[in-house]
PDB file of N, CA and C in Angstrom:
ATOM      1  N   MET A   1     206.148  81.865  92.154  1.00  0.00           N
ATOM      2  CA  MET A   1     205.040  81.207  92.816  1.00  0.00           C
ATOM      3  C   MET A   1     205.171  79.700  92.577  1.00  0.00           C
ATOM      4  N   HIS A   2     205.713  78.989  93.550  1.00  0.00           N
ATOM      5  CA  HIS A   2     205.897  77.548  93.398  1.00  0.00           C
ATOM      6  C   HIS A   2     204.594  76.785  93.581  1.00  0.00           C
ATOM      7  N   GLU A   3     203.552  77.453  94.035  1.00  0.00           N
ATOM      8  CA  GLU A   3     202.254  76.792  94.163  1.00  0.00           C
ATOM      9  C   GLU A   3     201.741  76.300  92.811  1.00  0.00           C
ATOM     10  N   MET A   4     202.110  76.978  91.722  1.00  0.00           N
ATOM     11  CA  MET A   4     201.658  76.544  90.393  1.00  0.00           C
ATOM     12  C   MET A   4     202.219  75.168  90.057  1.00  0.00           C
ATOM     13  N   SER A   5     203.495  74.961  90.284  1.00  0.00           N
ATOM     14  CA  SER A   5     204.071  73.642  89.989  1.00  0.00           C
ATOM     15  C   SER A   5     203.517  72.588  90.943  1.00  0.00           C
ATOM     16  N   LEU A   6     203.253  72.971  92.189  1.00  0.00           N
ATOM     17  CA  LEU A   6     202.633  72.028  93.126  1.00  0.00           C
ATOM     18  C   LEU A   6     201.225  71.658  92.668  1.00  0.00           C
ATOM     19  N   ALA A   7     200.463  72.647  92.217  1.00  0.00           N
ATOM     20  CA  ALA A   7     199.107  72.392  91.738  1.00  0.00           C
ATOM     21  C   ALA A   7     199.127  71.472  90.518  1.00  0.00           C
ATOM     22  N   MET A   8     200.102  71.656  89.650  1.00  0.00           N
ATOM     23  CA  MET A   8     200.223  70.777  88.482  1.00  0.00           C
ATOM     24  C   MET A   8     200.516  69.347  88.917  1.00  0.00           C
ATOM     25  N   GLY A   9     201.355  69.185  89.922  1.00  0.00           N
ATOM     26  CA  GLY A   9     201.651  67.855  90.448  1.00  0.00           C
ATOM     27  C   GLY A   9     200.441  67.215  91.095  1.00  0.00           C
ATOM     28  N   VAL A  10     199.684  68.007  91.847  1.00  0.00           N
ATOM     29  CA  VAL A  10     198.458  67.496  92.471  1.00  0.00           C
ATOM     30  C   VAL A  10     197.480  67.051  91.388  1.00  0.00           C
ATOM     31  N   LEU A  11     197.329  67.858  90.352  1.00  0.00           N
ATOM     32  CA  LEU A  11     196.424  67.489  89.262  1.00  0.00           C
ATOM     33  C   LEU A  11     196.844  66.169  88.626  1.00  0.00           C
ATOM     34  N   GLN A  12     198.122  65.973  88.409  1.00  0.00           N
ATOM     35  CA  GLN A  12     198.603  64.721  87.810  1.00  0.00           C
ATOM     36  C   GLN A  12     198.230  63.529  88.686  1.00  0.00           C
ATOM     37  N   ILE A  13     198.420  63.662  89.992  1.00  0.00           N
ATOM     38  CA  ILE A  13     198.073  62.583  90.922  1.00  0.00           C
ATOM     39  C   ILE A  13     196.570  62.324  90.897  1.00  0.00           C
ATOM     40  N   VAL A  14     195.787  63.394  90.899  1.00  0.00           N
ATOM     41  CA  VAL A  14     194.325  63.267  90.877  1.00  0.00           C
ATOM     42  C   VAL A  14     193.868  62.596  89.586  1.00  0.00           C
ATOM     43  N   GLU A  15     194.415  63.031  88.458  1.00  0.00           N
ATOM     44  CA  GLU A  15     194.026  62.431  87.176  1.00  0.00           C
ATOM     45  C   GLU A  15     194.408  60.957  87.111  1.00  0.00           C
ATOM     46  N   ASP A  16     195.596  60.616  87.559  1.00  0.00           N
ATOM     47  CA  ASP A  16     196.027  59.216  87.548  1.00  0.00           C
ATOM     48  C   ASP A  16     195.109  58.353  88.406  1.00  0.00           C
ATOM     49  N   ALA A  17     194.779  58.844  89.603  1.00  0.00           N
ATOM     50  CA  ALA A  17     193.904  58.087  90.507  1.00  0.00           C
ATOM     51  C   ALA A  17     192.496  57.980  89.937  1.00  0.00           C
ATOM     52  N   ALA A  18     191.999  59.056  89.351  1.00  0.00           N
ATOM     53  CA  ALA A  18     190.653  59.046  88.779  1.00  0.00           C
ATOM     54  C   ALA A  18     190.557  58.068  87.608  1.00  0.00           C
ATOM     55  N   ARG A  19     191.548  58.085  86.753  1.00  0.00           N
ATOM     56  CA  ARG A  19     191.534  57.159  85.610  1.00  0.00           C
ATOM     57  C   ARG A  19     191.649  55.709  86.066  1.00  0.00           C
ATOM     58  N   ALA A  20     192.474  55.451  87.068  1.00  0.00           N
ATOM     59  CA  ALA A  20     192.643  54.086  87.579  1.00  0.00           C
ATOM     60  C   ALA A  20     191.333  53.546  88.143  1.00  0.00           C
ATOM     61  N   GLN A  21     190.487  54.452  88.634  1.00  0.00           N
ATOM     62  CA  GLN A  21     189.210  54.033  89.211  1.00  0.00           C
ATOM     63  C   GLN A  21     188.045  54.272  88.250  1.00  0.00           C
ATOM     64  N   HIS A  22     188.384  54.611  87.003  1.00  0.00           N
ATOM     65  CA  HIS A  22     187.400  54.816  85.935  1.00  0.00           C
ATOM     66  C   HIS A  22     186.410  55.942  86.246  1.00  0.00           C
ATOM     67  N   PHE A  23     186.892  56.992  86.921  1.00  0.00           N
ATOM     68  CA  PHE A  23     186.057  58.163  87.178  1.00  0.00           C
ATOM     69  C   PHE A  23     186.042  59.021  85.923  1.00  0.00           C
ATOM     70  N   GLN A  24     184.920  59.655  85.679  1.00  0.00           N
ATOM     71  CA  GLN A  24     184.838  60.573  84.553  1.00  0.00           C
ATOM     72  C   GLN A  24     184.915  62.024  84.994  1.00  0.00           C
ATOM     73  N   ARG A  25     184.721  62.226  86.301  1.00  0.00           N
ATOM     74  CA  ARG A  25     184.764  63.589  86.820  1.00  0.00           C
ATOM     75  C   ARG A  25     185.223  63.572  88.274  1.00  0.00           C
ATOM     76  N   VAL A  26     185.956  64.602  88.643  1.00  0.00           N
ATOM     77  CA  VAL A  26     186.380  64.792  90.033  1.00  0.00           C
ATOM     78  C   VAL A  26     185.693  66.056  90.536  1.00  0.00           C
ATOM     79  N   ARG A  27     185.014  65.940  91.665  1.00  0.00           N
ATOM     80  CA  ARG A  27     184.271  67.088  92.199  1.00  0.00           C
ATOM     81  C   ARG A  27     184.977  67.782  93.348  1.00  0.00           C
ATOM     82  N   SER A  28     185.795  67.045  94.075  1.00  0.00           N
ATOM     83  CA  SER A  28     186.526  67.666  95.179  1.00  0.00           C
ATOM     84  C   SER A  28     187.832  66.928  95.427  1.00  0.00           C
ATOM     85  N   VAL A  29     188.784  67.676  95.945  1.00  0.00           N
ATOM     86  CA  VAL A  29     190.103  67.145  96.269  1.00  0.00           C
ATOM     87  C   VAL A  29     190.438  67.619  97.680  1.00  0.00           C
ATOM     88  N   PHE A  30     190.911  66.708  98.509  1.00  0.00           N
ATOM     89  CA  PHE A  30     191.347  67.049  99.859  1.00  0.00           C
ATOM     90  C   PHE A  30     192.867  66.985  99.880  1.00  0.00           C
ATOM     91  N   LEU A  31     193.481  68.067 100.318  1.00  0.00           N
ATOM     92  CA  LEU A  31     194.935  68.178 100.303  1.00  0.00           C
ATOM     93  C   LEU A  31     195.433  68.654 101.661  1.00  0.00           C
ATOM     94  N   GLU A  32     196.308  67.871 102.274  1.00  0.00           N
ATOM     95  CA  GLU A  32     196.925  68.276 103.533  1.00  0.00           C
ATOM     96  C   GLU A  32     198.193  69.075 103.230  1.00  0.00           C
ATOM     97  N   ILE A  33     198.296  70.244 103.872  1.00  0.00           N
ATOM     98  CA  ILE A  33     199.480  71.083 103.722  1.00  0.00           C
ATOM     99  C   ILE A  33     200.006  71.389 105.118  1.00  0.00           C
ATOM    100  N   GLY A  34     201.250  71.057 105.357  1.00  0.00           N
ATOM    101  CA  GLY A  34     201.867  71.315 106.653  1.00  0.00           C
ATOM    102  C   GLY A  34     202.150  72.792 106.861  1.00  0.00           C
ATOM    103  N   GLU A  35     202.034  73.236 108.117  1.00  0.00           N
ATOM    104  CA  GLU A  35     202.298  74.640 108.446  1.00  0.00           C
ATOM    105  C   GLU A  35     203.699  75.084 108.050  1.00  0.00           C
ATOM    106  N   LEU A  36     204.637  74.163 108.026  1.00  0.00           N
ATOM    107  CA  LEU A  36     206.027  74.507 107.721  1.00  0.00           C
ATOM    108  C   LEU A  36     206.378  74.285 106.250  1.00  0.00           C
ATOM    109  N   ALA A  37     205.391  74.027 105.416  1.00  0.00           N
ATOM    110  CA  ALA A  37     205.636  73.700 104.013  1.00  0.00           C
ATOM    111  C   ALA A  37     205.912  74.923 103.140  1.00  0.00           C
ATOM    112  N   ALA A  38     205.718  76.116 103.670  1.00  0.00           N
ATOM    113  CA  ALA A  38     205.910  77.353 102.896  1.00  0.00           C
ATOM    114  C   ALA A  38     205.008  77.390 101.667  1.00  0.00           C
ATOM    115  N   VAL A  39     203.761  76.939 101.861  1.00  0.00           N
ATOM    116  CA  VAL A  39     202.762  76.957 100.796  1.00  0.00           C
ATOM    117  C   VAL A  39     201.595  77.812 101.277  1.00  0.00           C
ATOM    118  N   GLU A  40     201.218  78.801 100.486  1.00  0.00           N
ATOM    119  CA  GLU A  40     200.079  79.650 100.811  1.00  0.00           C
ATOM    120  C   GLU A  40     198.803  78.973 100.315  1.00  0.00           C
ATOM    121  N   SER A  41     197.877  78.722 101.222  1.00  0.00           N
ATOM    122  CA  SER A  41     196.645  78.005 100.873  1.00  0.00           C
ATOM    123  C   SER A  41     195.849  78.711  99.783  1.00  0.00           C
ATOM    124  N   GLU A  42     195.706  80.027  99.900  1.00  0.00           N
ATOM    125  CA  GLU A  42     194.925  80.761  98.898  1.00  0.00           C
ATOM    126  C   GLU A  42     195.609  80.741  97.538  1.00  0.00           C
ATOM    127  N   ALA A  43     196.919  80.865  97.519  1.00  0.00           N
ATOM    128  CA  ALA A  43     197.657  80.786  96.254  1.00  0.00           C
ATOM    129  C   ALA A  43     197.511  79.392  95.654  1.00  0.00           C
ATOM    130  N   MET A  44     197.526  78.377  96.492  1.00  0.00           N
ATOM    131  CA  MET A  44     197.363  77.000  96.020  1.00  0.00           C
ATOM    132  C   MET A  44     195.984  76.812  95.402  1.00  0.00           C
ATOM    133  N   ARG A  45     194.956  77.335  96.054  1.00  0.00           N
ATOM    134  CA  ARG A  45     193.595  77.240  95.497  1.00  0.00           C
ATOM    135  C   ARG A  45     193.506  77.954  94.147  1.00  0.00           C
ATOM    136  N   PHE A  46     194.083  79.144  94.068  1.00  0.00           N
ATOM    137  CA  PHE A  46     194.073  79.911  92.826  1.00  0.00           C
ATOM    138  C   PHE A  46     194.749  79.128  91.701  1.00  0.00           C
ATOM    139  N   CYS A  47     195.924  78.595  91.986  1.00  0.00           N
ATOM    140  CA  CYS A  47     196.675  77.842  90.977  1.00  0.00           C
ATOM    141  C   CYS A  47     195.953  76.556  90.594  1.00  0.00           C
ATOM    142  N   PHE A  48     195.377  75.875  91.570  1.00  0.00           N
ATOM    143  CA  PHE A  48     194.633  74.647  91.288  1.00  0.00           C
ATOM    144  C   PHE A  48     193.474  74.946  90.341  1.00  0.00           C
ATOM    145  N   ASP A  49     192.726  76.015  90.633  1.00  0.00           N
ATOM    146  CA  ASP A  49     191.608  76.391  89.758  1.00  0.00           C
ATOM    147  C   ASP A  49     192.081  76.663  88.333  1.00  0.00           C
ATOM    148  N   ALA A  50     193.274  77.210  88.191  1.00  0.00           N
ATOM    149  CA  ALA A  50     193.810  77.508  86.859  1.00  0.00           C
ATOM    150  C   ALA A  50     194.226  76.244  86.123  1.00  0.00           C
ATOM    151  N   VAL A  51     194.897  75.311  86.807  1.00  0.00           N
ATOM    152  CA  VAL A  51     195.428  74.136  86.109  1.00  0.00           C
ATOM    153  C   VAL A  51     194.367  73.081  85.810  1.00  0.00           C
ATOM    154  N   VAL A  52     193.239  73.106  86.514  1.00  0.00           N
ATOM    155  CA  VAL A  52     192.230  72.067  86.265  1.00  0.00           C
ATOM    156  C   VAL A  52     191.314  72.393  85.092  1.00  0.00           C
ATOM    157  N   ARG A  53     191.423  73.588  84.547  1.00  0.00           N
ATOM    158  CA  ARG A  53     190.570  73.954  83.403  1.00  0.00           C
ATOM    159  C   ARG A  53     190.798  72.994  82.240  1.00  0.00           C
ATOM    160  N   GLY A  54     189.704  72.477  81.707  1.00  0.00           N
ATOM    161  CA  GLY A  54     189.791  71.571  80.571  1.00  0.00           C
ATOM    162  C   GLY A  54     190.147  70.144  80.939  1.00  0.00           C
ATOM    163  N   THR A  55     190.158  69.818  82.238  1.00  0.00           N
ATOM    164  CA  THR A  55     190.479  68.459  82.681  1.00  0.00           C
ATOM    165  C   THR A  55     189.258  67.840  83.349  1.00  0.00           C
ATOM    166  N   LEU A  56     189.367  66.581  83.730  1.00  0.00           N
ATOM    167  CA  LEU A  56     188.249  65.930  84.410  1.00  0.00           C
ATOM    168  C   LEU A  56     188.036  66.473  85.820  1.00  0.00           C
ATOM    169  N   ALA A  57     188.944  67.323  86.282  1.00  0.00           N
ATOM    170  CA  ALA A  57     188.802  67.958  87.595  1.00  0.00           C
ATOM    171  C   ALA A  57     188.330  69.411  87.485  1.00  0.00           C
ATOM    172  N   GLU A  58     187.949  69.833  86.285  1.00  0.00           N
ATOM    173  CA  GLU A  58     187.490  71.214  86.128  1.00  0.00           C
ATOM    174  C   GLU A  58     186.295  71.466  87.039  1.00  0.00           C
ATOM    175  N   GLY A  59     186.367  72.551  87.788  1.00  0.00           N
ATOM    176  CA  GLY A  59     185.299  72.897  88.719  1.00  0.00           C
ATOM    177  C   GLY A  59     185.398  72.206  90.069  1.00  0.00           C
ATOM    178  N   ALA A  60     186.387  71.340  90.244  1.00  0.00           N
ATOM    179  CA  ALA A  60     186.545  70.630  91.520  1.00  0.00           C
ATOM    180  C   ALA A  60     186.923  71.614  92.624  1.00  0.00           C
ATOM    181  N   LEU A  61     186.418  71.358  93.809  1.00  0.00           N
ATOM    182  CA  LEU A  61     186.731  72.171  94.973  1.00  0.00           C
ATOM    183  C   LEU A  61     187.976  71.621  95.646  1.00  0.00           C
ATOM    184  N   LEU A  62     188.969  72.475  95.859  1.00  0.00           N
ATOM    185  CA  LEU A  62     190.180  72.070  96.570  1.00  0.00           C
ATOM    186  C   LEU A  62     189.987  72.370  98.048  1.00  0.00           C
ATOM    187  N   ASN A  63     189.917  71.327  98.855  1.00  0.00           N
ATOM    188  CA  ASN A  63     189.768  71.448 100.303  1.00  0.00           C
ATOM    189  C   ASN A  63     191.144  71.315 100.930  1.00  0.00           C
ATOM    190  N   VAL A  64     191.652  72.410 101.486  1.00  0.00           N
ATOM    191  CA  VAL A  64     192.977  72.410 102.095  1.00  0.00           C
ATOM    192  C   VAL A  64     192.837  72.149 103.589  1.00  0.00           C
ATOM    193  N   ILE A  65     193.550  71.143 104.055  1.00  0.00           N
ATOM    194  CA  ILE A  65     193.578  70.798 105.472  1.00  0.00           C
ATOM    195  C   ILE A  65     194.962  71.178 105.981  1.00  0.00           C
ATOM    196  N   GLU A  66     195.008  72.146 106.886  1.00  0.00           N
ATOM    197  CA  GLU A  66     196.297  72.595 107.407  1.00  0.00           C
ATOM    198  C   GLU A  66     196.727  71.684 108.551  1.00  0.00           C
ATOM    199  N   VAL A  67     197.938  71.168 108.437  1.00  0.00           N
ATOM    200  CA  VAL A  67     198.484  70.215 109.398  1.00  0.00           C
ATOM    201  C   VAL A  67     199.573  70.908 110.211  1.00  0.00           C
ATOM    202  N   ALA A  68     199.542  70.700 111.510  1.00  0.00           N
ATOM    203  CA  ALA A  68     200.542  71.304 112.393  1.00  0.00           C
ATOM    204  C   ALA A  68     201.940  70.818 112.031  1.00  0.00           C
ATOM    205  N   GLY A  69     202.908  71.694 112.248  1.00  0.00           N
ATOM    206  CA  GLY A  69     204.294  71.324 111.982  1.00  0.00           C
ATOM    207  C   GLY A  69     204.826  70.374 113.039  1.00  0.00           C
ATOM    208  N   GLU A  70     205.685  69.476 112.613  1.00  0.00           N
ATOM    209  CA  GLU A  70     206.333  68.565 113.555  1.00  0.00           C
ATOM    210  C   GLU A  70     207.688  68.159 113.004  1.00  0.00           C
ATOM    211  N   GLY A  71     208.530  67.698 113.894  1.00  0.00           N
ATOM    212  CA  GLY A  71     209.860  67.278 113.484  1.00  0.00           C
ATOM    213  C   GLY A  71     210.383  66.191 114.395  1.00  0.00           C
ATOM    214  N   LEU A  72     211.424  65.532 113.956  1.00  0.00           N
ATOM    215  CA  LEU A  72     212.053  64.472 114.739  1.00  0.00           C
ATOM    216  C   LEU A  72     213.225  65.061 115.507  1.00  0.00           C
ATOM    217  N   CYS A  73     213.199  64.899 116.827  1.00  0.00           N
ATOM    218  CA  CYS A  73     214.308  65.345 117.668  1.00  0.00           C
ATOM    219  C   CYS A  73     215.341  64.225 117.705  1.00  0.00           C
ATOM    220  N   PHE A  74     216.560  64.537 117.302  1.00  0.00           N
ATOM    221  CA  PHE A  74     217.609  63.518 117.286  1.00  0.00           C
ATOM    222  C   PHE A  74     218.145  63.209 118.680  1.00  0.00           C
ATOM    223  N   ASN A  75     217.918  64.115 119.635  1.00  0.00           N
ATOM    224  CA  ASN A  75     218.382  63.873 121.003  1.00  0.00           C
ATOM    225  C   ASN A  75     217.497  62.874 121.741  1.00  0.00           C
ATOM    226  N   CYS A  76     216.174  63.067 121.662  1.00  0.00           N
ATOM    227  CA  CYS A  76     215.264  62.180 122.396  1.00  0.00           C
ATOM    228  C   CYS A  76     214.574  61.165 121.485  1.00  0.00           C
ATOM    229  N   ASN A  77     214.816  61.272 120.175  1.00  0.00           N
ATOM    230  CA  ASN A  77     214.250  60.352 119.184  1.00  0.00           C
ATOM    231  C   ASN A  77     212.717  60.340 119.206  1.00  0.00           C
ATOM    232  N   GLN A  78     212.130  61.515 119.445  1.00  0.00           N
ATOM    233  CA  GLN A  78     210.674  61.656 119.479  1.00  0.00           C
ATOM    234  C   GLN A  78     210.239  62.633 118.391  1.00  0.00           C
ATOM    235  N   THR A  79     209.033  62.441 117.907  1.00  0.00           N
ATOM    236  CA  THR A  79     208.433  63.413 117.011  1.00  0.00           C
ATOM    237  C   THR A  79     207.772  64.473 117.883  1.00  0.00           C
ATOM    238  N   VAL A  80     208.131  65.735 117.647  1.00  0.00           N
ATOM    239  CA  VAL A  80     207.653  66.824 118.497  1.00  0.00           C
ATOM    240  C   VAL A  80     206.990  67.904 117.646  1.00  0.00           C
ATOM    241  N   PRO A  81     206.012  68.619 118.223  1.00  0.00           N
ATOM    242  CA  PRO A  81     205.380  69.716 117.480  1.00  0.00           C
ATOM    243  C   PRO A  81     206.347  70.885 117.312  1.00  0.00           C
ATOM    244  N   LEU A  82     206.277  71.535 116.152  1.00  0.00           N
ATOM    245  CA  LEU A  82     207.132  72.692 115.866  1.00  0.00           C
ATOM    246  C   LEU A  82     206.272  73.838 115.355  1.00  0.00           C
ATOM    247  N   ALA A  83     206.530  75.035 115.859  1.00  0.00           N
ATOM    248  CA  ALA A  83     205.852  76.223 115.352  1.00  0.00           C
ATOM    249  C   ALA A  83     206.662  76.856 114.218  1.00  0.00           C
ATOM    250  N   ALA A  84     207.976  76.623 114.230  1.00  0.00           N
ATOM    251  CA  ALA A  84     208.871  77.161 113.201  1.00  0.00           C
ATOM    252  C   ALA A  84     210.027  76.187 113.011  1.00  0.00           C
ATOM    253  N   ARG A  85     210.629  76.244 111.845  1.00  0.00           N
ATOM    254  CA  ARG A  85     211.794  75.389 111.585  1.00  0.00           C
ATOM    255  C   ARG A  85     212.885  75.682 112.609  1.00  0.00           C
ATOM    256  N   HIS A  86     213.588  74.657 112.997  1.00  0.00           N
ATOM    257  CA  HIS A  86     214.718  74.745 113.924  1.00  0.00           C
ATOM    258  C   HIS A  86     214.320  75.116 115.349  1.00  0.00           C
ATOM    259  N   ASP A  87     213.025  74.992 115.691  1.00  0.00           N
ATOM    260  CA  ASP A  87     212.629  75.177 117.088  1.00  0.00           C
ATOM    261  C   ASP A  87     213.280  74.090 117.926  1.00  0.00           C
ATOM    262  N   PRO A  88     213.640  74.406 119.170  1.00  0.00           N
ATOM    263  CA  PRO A  88     214.237  73.378 120.031  1.00  0.00           C
ATOM    264  C   PRO A  88     213.192  72.367 120.487  1.00  0.00           C
ATOM    265  N   CYS A  89     213.646  71.204 120.852  1.00  0.00           N
ATOM    266  CA  CYS A  89     212.762  70.169 121.386  1.00  0.00           C
ATOM    267  C   CYS A  89     212.226  70.651 122.737  1.00  0.00           C
ATOM    268  N   PRO A  90     210.921  70.525 122.949  1.00  0.00           N
ATOM    269  CA  PRO A  90     210.363  70.974 124.231  1.00  0.00           C
ATOM    270  C   PRO A  90     210.824  70.049 125.328  1.00  0.00           C
TER     271      PRO A  90
END
């Protein structure tokens, strides 16, 4: 489950940002996850809840925003929407 290591990384970023702004508590976190990222949102929430215990983000709500997949087409040099990796350029 690579979501655990991702959640630990998110927590580190959140803690660094919170300390830089002199926050004593974090109540919510907004996280964008791309459709092609191979990350399960529910697993990410579960892991986040586990890693924030005992930190300034304990009890924080993880708000996952799912972002559509996209890629750069080397033929037309445009960013195009993708439903799956290696989809052809429309």
